[in-house]
Amino acid sequence: MFSFCSDPATLEGFQWMACYLTTGKHMSMYWAVGTVLLLLSITAPTALAFGFAGASAARSNVAPLRWIGKTYIAVVRGIPDIAFFLFFVIALDQAFEYIRHRVKCPDWQEPVRQGNDFIVCTAAKLPLGNAPQWVHETYGFMLAVLTFAIVFGAFAANVLFGAMRAVPKGQLETAEAYGMSRRQTFWRVLVPQMWVYALPGLSNLWMVLIKATPLLFLLGVEDIVYWARELGGAKQPQFTEYPHPDWRMWYFAALLVFYLCFTKVSEVVLDKIMAKLTHGQATSGGEAQRKAAA
């Protein structure tokens, strides 16, 4: 990046460090920070959508929907995240390829499951073998997003289900007494009020989601943990123009600072959202605001 970086062997001190921190691999690490932020920005609303659907199904009067909702919450919450990530990404990838295989290769005679191998026709592969690298990376990233959303959607569903039950039943009965249908009561009374009760649990879930982003490394996505390990390891002169001893401690220390700053900003934003939601509400948060104002 800098003009004086043409000959690393002649550099020392600040110039060496400036050139070292602006190499192509370091730029990939900086881009990986954007990957983490992009994952969070997509996963959070998607997981919330899964959670809302799961909670709504769990409290449904229709028995099959209620069973599906409660099973989704119980099963996903009961499996360790790492085990679910390692299994589900493979299963999801194979499910997509199997569907494409059935559509694109209807004349295929051999079984797709041959011992431990999963074999589909070339046209059904995801992504295709001749696809550009960015397509492979985008596909892996979207699988990771969907996996994160399903896992954390189950936790969000449990939080929202409890929040729905926390809304005073008398308010729902009053709405129905005034002639509102069940659907109107749900959207006009229950949903607007449940967020006050759900936000503390959702705030904790957001913090857990932030801390879970290093699991991207397990899913094959080159995130900041991957690059911290790769760049921080000892490098010998025969492998790089910028040899150095084992610096992984410093790279991971930088990650600690990054995550601490990120969670602190999140806490400030979530506190402001909570204050806005509880303003004038008959909750502990609203009571605290009234006492503070007095």
Protein backbone atom coordinates (compact mmCIF):
# COMPACT_ATOMS: atom_id res chain seq x y z
CA MET A 1 0.00 0.00 0.00
CA PHE A 2 2.83 2.40 0.83
CA SER A 3 5.60 3.28 -1.61
CA PHE A 4 8.32 2.32 0.87
CA CYS A 5 6.96 -1.24 1.13
CA SER A 6 8.61 -2.38 -2.12
CA ASP A 7 11.53 -4.04 -0.28
CA PRO A 8 10.42 -5.42 3.12
CA ALA A 9 13.95 -6.64 3.89
CA THR A 10 15.14 -3.03 4.28
CA LEU A 11 12.33 -1.99 6.63
CA GLU A 12 12.29 -1.77 10.39
CA GLY A 13 10.29 -0.23 13.20
CA PHE A 14 7.15 1.71 12.29
CA GLN A 15 7.59 1.31 8.53
CA TRP A 16 7.89 -2.47 8.83
CA MET A 17 4.75 -2.63 10.98
CA ALA A 18 2.83 -0.30 8.65
CA CYS A 19 3.67 -2.47 5.64
CA TYR A 20 2.99 -5.68 7.56
CA LEU A 21 -0.47 -4.57 8.67
CA THR A 22 -1.48 -3.56 5.13
CA THR A 23 -0.62 -6.78 3.32
CA GLY A 24 -3.26 -8.53 1.26
CA LYS A 25 -3.94 -11.12 3.97
CA HIS A 26 -4.42 -8.42 6.58
CA MET A 27 -6.86 -6.69 4.26
CA SER A 28 -8.75 -9.98 4.13
CA MET A 29 -8.88 -9.96 7.93
CA TYR A 30 -10.27 -6.42 7.92
CA TRP A 31 -12.89 -7.48 5.39
CA ALA A 32 -13.70 -10.39 7.70
CA VAL A 33 -14.84 -7.85 10.30
CA GLY A 34 -17.40 -6.73 7.73
CA THR A 35 -18.37 -10.38 7.24
CA VAL A 36 -19.14 -10.70 10.95
CA LEU A 37 -21.18 -7.49 10.95
CA LEU A 38 -23.03 -8.59 7.82
CA LEU A 39 -23.79 -11.96 9.43
CA LEU A 40 -25.26 -10.23 12.48
CA SER A 41 -27.29 -7.75 10.41
CA ILE A 42 -28.89 -10.57 8.41
CA THR A 43 -29.12 -13.23 11.10
CA ALA A 44 -30.73 -11.09 13.81
CA PRO A 45 -33.94 -10.19 11.91
CA THR A 46 -34.08 -13.64 10.31
CA ALA A 47 -33.75 -15.38 13.68
CA LEU A 48 -36.40 -13.02 15.09
CA ALA A 49 -38.72 -14.02 12.24
CA PHE A 50 -38.10 -17.72 12.98
CA GLY A 51 -38.67 -17.00 16.66
CA PHE A 52 -41.91 -15.13 16.08
CA ALA A 53 -43.21 -17.91 13.84
CA GLY A 54 -42.18 -20.56 16.37
CA ALA A 55 -43.75 -18.72 19.31
CA SER A 56 -46.97 -18.08 17.39
CA ALA A 57 -47.15 -21.75 16.43
CA ALA A 58 -46.44 -22.85 20.02
CA ARG A 59 -49.46 -20.91 21.33
CA SER A 60 -51.76 -21.82 18.44
CA ASN A 61 -55.12 -23.45 19.06
CA VAL A 62 -54.41 -25.78 16.15
CA ALA A 63 -52.79 -28.86 17.69
CA PRO A 64 -50.42 -29.79 14.79
CA LEU A 65 -49.07 -26.21 14.66
CA ARG A 66 -48.66 -26.19 18.43
CA TRP A 67 -46.75 -29.47 18.32
CA ILE A 68 -44.48 -28.19 15.55
CA GLY A 69 -43.74 -24.96 17.40
CA LYS A 70 -42.97 -26.63 20.73
CA THR A 71 -40.93 -29.38 19.07
CA TYR A 72 -38.84 -26.82 17.20
CA ILE A 73 -38.12 -24.92 20.42
CA ALA A 74 -37.35 -28.03 22.46
CA VAL A 75 -35.21 -29.88 19.91
CA VAL A 76 -33.00 -27.01 18.75
CA ARG A 77 -32.51 -25.64 22.27
CA GLY A 78 -31.61 -29.11 23.52
CA ILE A 79 -28.74 -29.71 21.06
CA PRO A 80 -25.31 -28.13 21.67
CA ASP A 81 -24.69 -25.31 19.18
CA ILE A 82 -21.43 -26.76 17.88
CA ALA A 83 -22.97 -30.18 17.24
CA PHE A 84 -25.95 -28.60 15.50
CA PHE A 85 -23.74 -26.38 13.33
CA LEU A 86 -21.47 -29.22 12.27
CA PHE A 87 -24.41 -31.50 11.45
CA PHE A 88 -26.99 -29.10 10.07
CA VAL A 89 -24.79 -27.33 7.52
CA ILE A 90 -23.90 -30.68 5.93
CA ALA A 91 -27.52 -31.89 6.07
CA LEU A 92 -28.85 -28.63 4.63
CA ASP A 93 -26.32 -28.64 1.81
CA GLN A 94 -27.17 -32.23 0.92
CA ALA A 95 -30.90 -31.51 1.08
CA PHE A 96 -30.56 -28.66 -1.43
CA GLU A 97 -28.44 -30.81 -3.74
CA TYR A 98 -30.86 -33.73 -3.49
CA ILE A 99 -33.82 -31.53 -4.49
CA ARG A 100 -31.85 -30.18 -7.47
CA HIS A 101 -30.77 -33.71 -8.33
CA ARG A 102 -34.37 -34.92 -8.50
CA VAL A 103 -35.36 -31.98 -10.72
CA LYS A 104 -32.35 -31.77 -13.04
CA CYS A 105 -31.46 -35.46 -13.34
CA PRO A 106 -34.72 -37.46 -13.31
CA ASP A 107 -33.14 -40.30 -15.32
CA TRP A 108 -30.39 -40.95 -12.75
CA GLN A 109 -30.51 -44.64 -11.81
CA GLU A 110 -27.83 -44.97 -9.12
CA PRO A 111 -28.62 -44.26 -5.47
CA VAL A 112 -27.34 -40.92 -4.18
CA ARG A 113 -26.27 -42.51 -0.91
CA GLN A 114 -23.48 -44.97 -1.58
CA GLY A 115 -21.96 -46.01 1.73
CA ASN A 116 -20.56 -42.87 3.34
CA ASP A 117 -20.58 -40.97 0.03
CA PHE A 118 -23.34 -38.63 -1.12
CA ILE A 119 -23.28 -38.56 -4.92
CA VAL A 120 -25.51 -36.43 -7.12
CA CYS A 121 -25.23 -35.49 -10.78
CA THR A 122 -22.87 -32.69 -11.76
CA ALA A 123 -25.70 -30.30 -12.64
CA ALA A 124 -27.14 -30.61 -9.12
CA LYS A 125 -23.98 -29.59 -7.31
CA LEU A 126 -24.17 -26.45 -5.18
CA PRO A 127 -22.42 -24.40 -6.20
CA LEU A 128 -21.35 -25.66 -9.61
CA GLY A 129 -17.74 -26.73 -9.94
CA ASN A 130 -17.02 -24.05 -12.56
CA ALA A 131 -18.65 -21.26 -10.54
CA PRO A 132 -16.48 -18.28 -9.53
CA GLN A 133 -14.88 -18.26 -6.09
CA TRP A 134 -17.21 -15.54 -4.83
CA VAL A 135 -20.20 -17.81 -5.57
CA HIS A 136 -18.70 -20.56 -3.41
CA GLU A 137 -18.02 -18.07 -0.60
CA THR A 138 -21.50 -16.53 -0.83
CA TYR A 139 -23.16 -19.94 -0.77
CA GLY A 140 -21.18 -20.98 2.32
CA PHE A 141 -22.00 -17.70 4.00
CA MET A 142 -25.74 -18.04 3.33
CA LEU A 143 -25.72 -21.59 4.70
CA ALA A 144 -24.06 -20.21 7.83
CA VAL A 145 -26.66 -17.42 8.11
CA LEU A 146 -29.54 -19.88 7.77
CA THR A 147 -28.01 -22.20 10.37
CA PHE A 148 -27.46 -19.36 12.83
CA ALA A 149 -31.02 -18.10 12.23
CA ILE A 150 -32.59 -21.52 12.88
CA VAL A 151 -30.56 -22.09 16.06
CA PHE A 152 -31.06 -18.66 17.58
CA GLY A 153 -34.61 -18.52 16.25
CA ALA A 154 -35.47 -21.36 18.63
CA PHE A 155 -34.13 -19.38 21.58
CA ALA A 156 -35.96 -16.27 20.37
CA ALA A 157 -39.15 -18.34 20.06
CA ASN A 158 -38.84 -19.41 23.69
CA VAL A 159 -38.34 -15.78 24.78
CA LEU A 160 -41.26 -14.50 22.70
CA PHE A 161 -43.52 -17.36 23.84
CA GLY A 162 -42.88 -16.39 27.46
CA ALA A 163 -43.41 -12.71 26.63
CA MET A 164 -46.76 -13.47 25.00
CA ARG A 165 -47.86 -15.32 28.12
CA ALA A 166 -46.70 -12.41 30.31
CA VAL A 167 -49.15 -9.96 28.74
CA PRO A 168 -52.06 -9.66 31.21
CA LYS A 169 -54.82 -11.97 30.13
CA GLY A 170 -57.41 -9.43 31.23
CA GLN A 171 -56.34 -7.07 28.45
CA LEU A 172 -56.88 -9.76 25.85
CA GLU A 173 -60.30 -10.59 27.28
CA THR A 174 -61.23 -6.90 27.31
CA ALA A 175 -60.26 -6.57 23.65
CA GLU A 176 -62.42 -9.53 22.75
CA ALA A 177 -65.26 -8.10 24.83
CA TYR A 178 -65.09 -4.94 22.72
CA GLY A 179 -65.67 -7.05 19.61
CA MET A 180 -62.14 -7.59 18.37
CA SER A 181 -61.49 -10.87 16.59
CA ARG A 182 -58.75 -13.19 17.78
CA ARG A 183 -56.51 -11.97 14.96
CA GLN A 184 -57.12 -8.31 15.82
CA THR A 185 -56.44 -8.98 19.50
CA PHE A 186 -53.20 -10.71 18.61
CA TRP A 187 -51.84 -7.94 16.37
CA ARG A 188 -53.27 -4.87 18.11
CA VAL A 189 -52.98 -5.83 21.78
CA LEU A 190 -50.72 -8.81 22.35
CA VAL A 191 -47.87 -8.14 19.90
CA PRO A 192 -47.33 -4.44 20.73
CA GLN A 193 -47.16 -5.16 24.47
CA MET A 194 -45.12 -8.35 24.42
CA TRP A 195 -41.94 -6.56 23.31
CA VAL A 196 -41.61 -4.93 26.73
CA TYR A 197 -41.41 -8.35 28.33
CA ALA A 198 -39.34 -9.89 25.53
CA LEU A 199 -36.60 -7.28 25.18
CA PRO A 200 -34.49 -8.32 28.22
CA GLY A 201 -34.35 -11.90 26.95
CA LEU A 202 -33.77 -10.79 23.36
CA SER A 203 -30.99 -8.48 24.56
CA ASN A 204 -29.21 -11.41 26.20
CA LEU A 205 -29.76 -13.47 23.05
CA TRP A 206 -28.18 -10.71 20.95
CA MET A 207 -25.10 -10.78 23.19
CA VAL A 208 -24.89 -14.57 22.86
CA LEU A 209 -25.22 -14.24 19.09
CA ILE A 210 -22.31 -11.80 19.01
CA LYS A 211 -20.18 -14.19 21.02
CA ALA A 212 -21.19 -17.09 18.76
CA THR A 213 -19.91 -15.48 15.56
CA PRO A 214 -16.47 -17.19 15.93
CA LEU A 215 -18.34 -20.42 15.12
CA LEU A 216 -18.20 -19.21 11.52
CA PHE A 217 -14.71 -20.67 11.56
CA LEU A 218 -16.21 -24.13 12.09
CA LEU A 219 -18.55 -23.61 9.14
CA GLY A 220 -15.71 -22.97 6.70
CA VAL A 221 -16.16 -19.19 6.52
CA GLU A 222 -12.91 -17.22 6.75
CA ASP A 223 -13.86 -14.96 9.65
CA ILE A 224 -11.70 -12.85 11.95
CA VAL A 225 -10.87 -15.82 14.20
CA TYR A 226 -9.56 -17.76 11.21
CA TRP A 227 -7.36 -14.87 10.10
CA ALA A 228 -6.17 -14.14 13.65
CA ARG A 229 -4.95 -17.71 13.95
CA GLU A 230 -3.40 -17.76 10.49
CA LEU A 231 -1.67 -14.38 10.70
CA GLY A 232 -0.66 -14.66 14.33
CA GLY A 233 1.18 -17.95 14.01
CA ALA A 234 4.96 -17.93 13.75
CA LYS A 235 6.13 -17.12 10.21
CA GLN A 236 9.51 -18.14 8.84
CA PRO A 237 11.51 -16.12 6.27
CA GLN A 238 11.15 -18.85 3.63
CA PHE A 239 7.34 -18.52 3.74
CA THR A 240 6.77 -14.77 3.97
CA GLU A 241 8.38 -11.41 3.39
CA TYR A 242 7.36 -10.41 6.91
CA PRO A 243 8.67 -13.14 9.26
CA HIS A 244 7.76 -12.88 12.93
CA PRO A 245 7.47 -15.07 16.07
CA ASP A 246 4.20 -16.41 17.46
CA TRP A 247 1.93 -13.36 17.82
CA ARG A 248 -1.39 -15.16 18.24
CA MET A 249 -1.78 -13.79 21.76
CA TRP A 250 -1.77 -10.23 20.40
CA TYR A 251 -4.15 -11.02 17.58
CA PHE A 252 -6.63 -12.69 19.92
CA ALA A 253 -6.22 -9.82 22.40
CA ALA A 254 -7.29 -7.48 19.58
CA LEU A 255 -10.34 -9.69 19.03
CA LEU A 256 -11.19 -9.43 22.74
CA VAL A 257 -11.08 -5.64 22.52
CA PHE A 258 -13.22 -5.68 19.38
CA TYR A 259 -15.91 -7.87 20.95
CA LEU A 260 -15.90 -5.94 24.24
CA CYS A 261 -16.37 -2.64 22.40
CA PHE A 262 -19.09 -4.13 20.23
CA THR A 263 -21.02 -5.53 23.18
CA LYS A 264 -20.70 -2.22 25.06
CA VAL A 265 -22.19 -0.30 22.15
CA SER A 266 -24.94 -2.92 21.96
CA GLU A 267 -25.73 -2.47 25.66
CA VAL A 268 -26.07 1.30 25.26
CA VAL A 269 -28.38 0.95 22.24
CA LEU A 270 -30.49 -1.75 23.89
CA ASP A 271 -30.86 0.32 27.08
CA LYS A 272 -32.21 3.21 25.02
CA ILE A 273 -34.65 0.93 23.21
CA MET A 274 -35.81 -0.52 26.54
CA ALA A 275 -36.31 2.97 27.99
CA LYS A 276 -38.43 3.93 24.99
CA LEU A 277 -40.55 0.79 25.14
CA THR A 278 -41.18 0.97 28.88
CA HIS A 279 -42.05 4.67 28.92
CA GLY A 280 -45.47 4.98 30.49
CA GLN A 281 -45.88 1.20 30.79
CA ALA A 282 -47.06 -0.50 33.97
CA THR A 283 -43.82 -2.47 34.25
CA SER A 284 -40.77 -2.39 36.50
CA GLY A 285 -38.92 -0.38 33.84
CA GLY A 286 -41.73 2.14 33.56
CA GLU A 287 -41.98 2.41 37.35
CA ALA A 288 -38.25 3.11 37.54
CA GLN A 289 -38.62 5.91 35.01
CA ARG A 290 -41.48 7.46 36.99
CA LYS A 291 -39.46 7.37 40.21
CA ALA A 292 -36.44 8.89 38.47
CA ALA A 293 -38.58 11.69 37.05
CA ALA A 294 -40.09 12.41 40.48
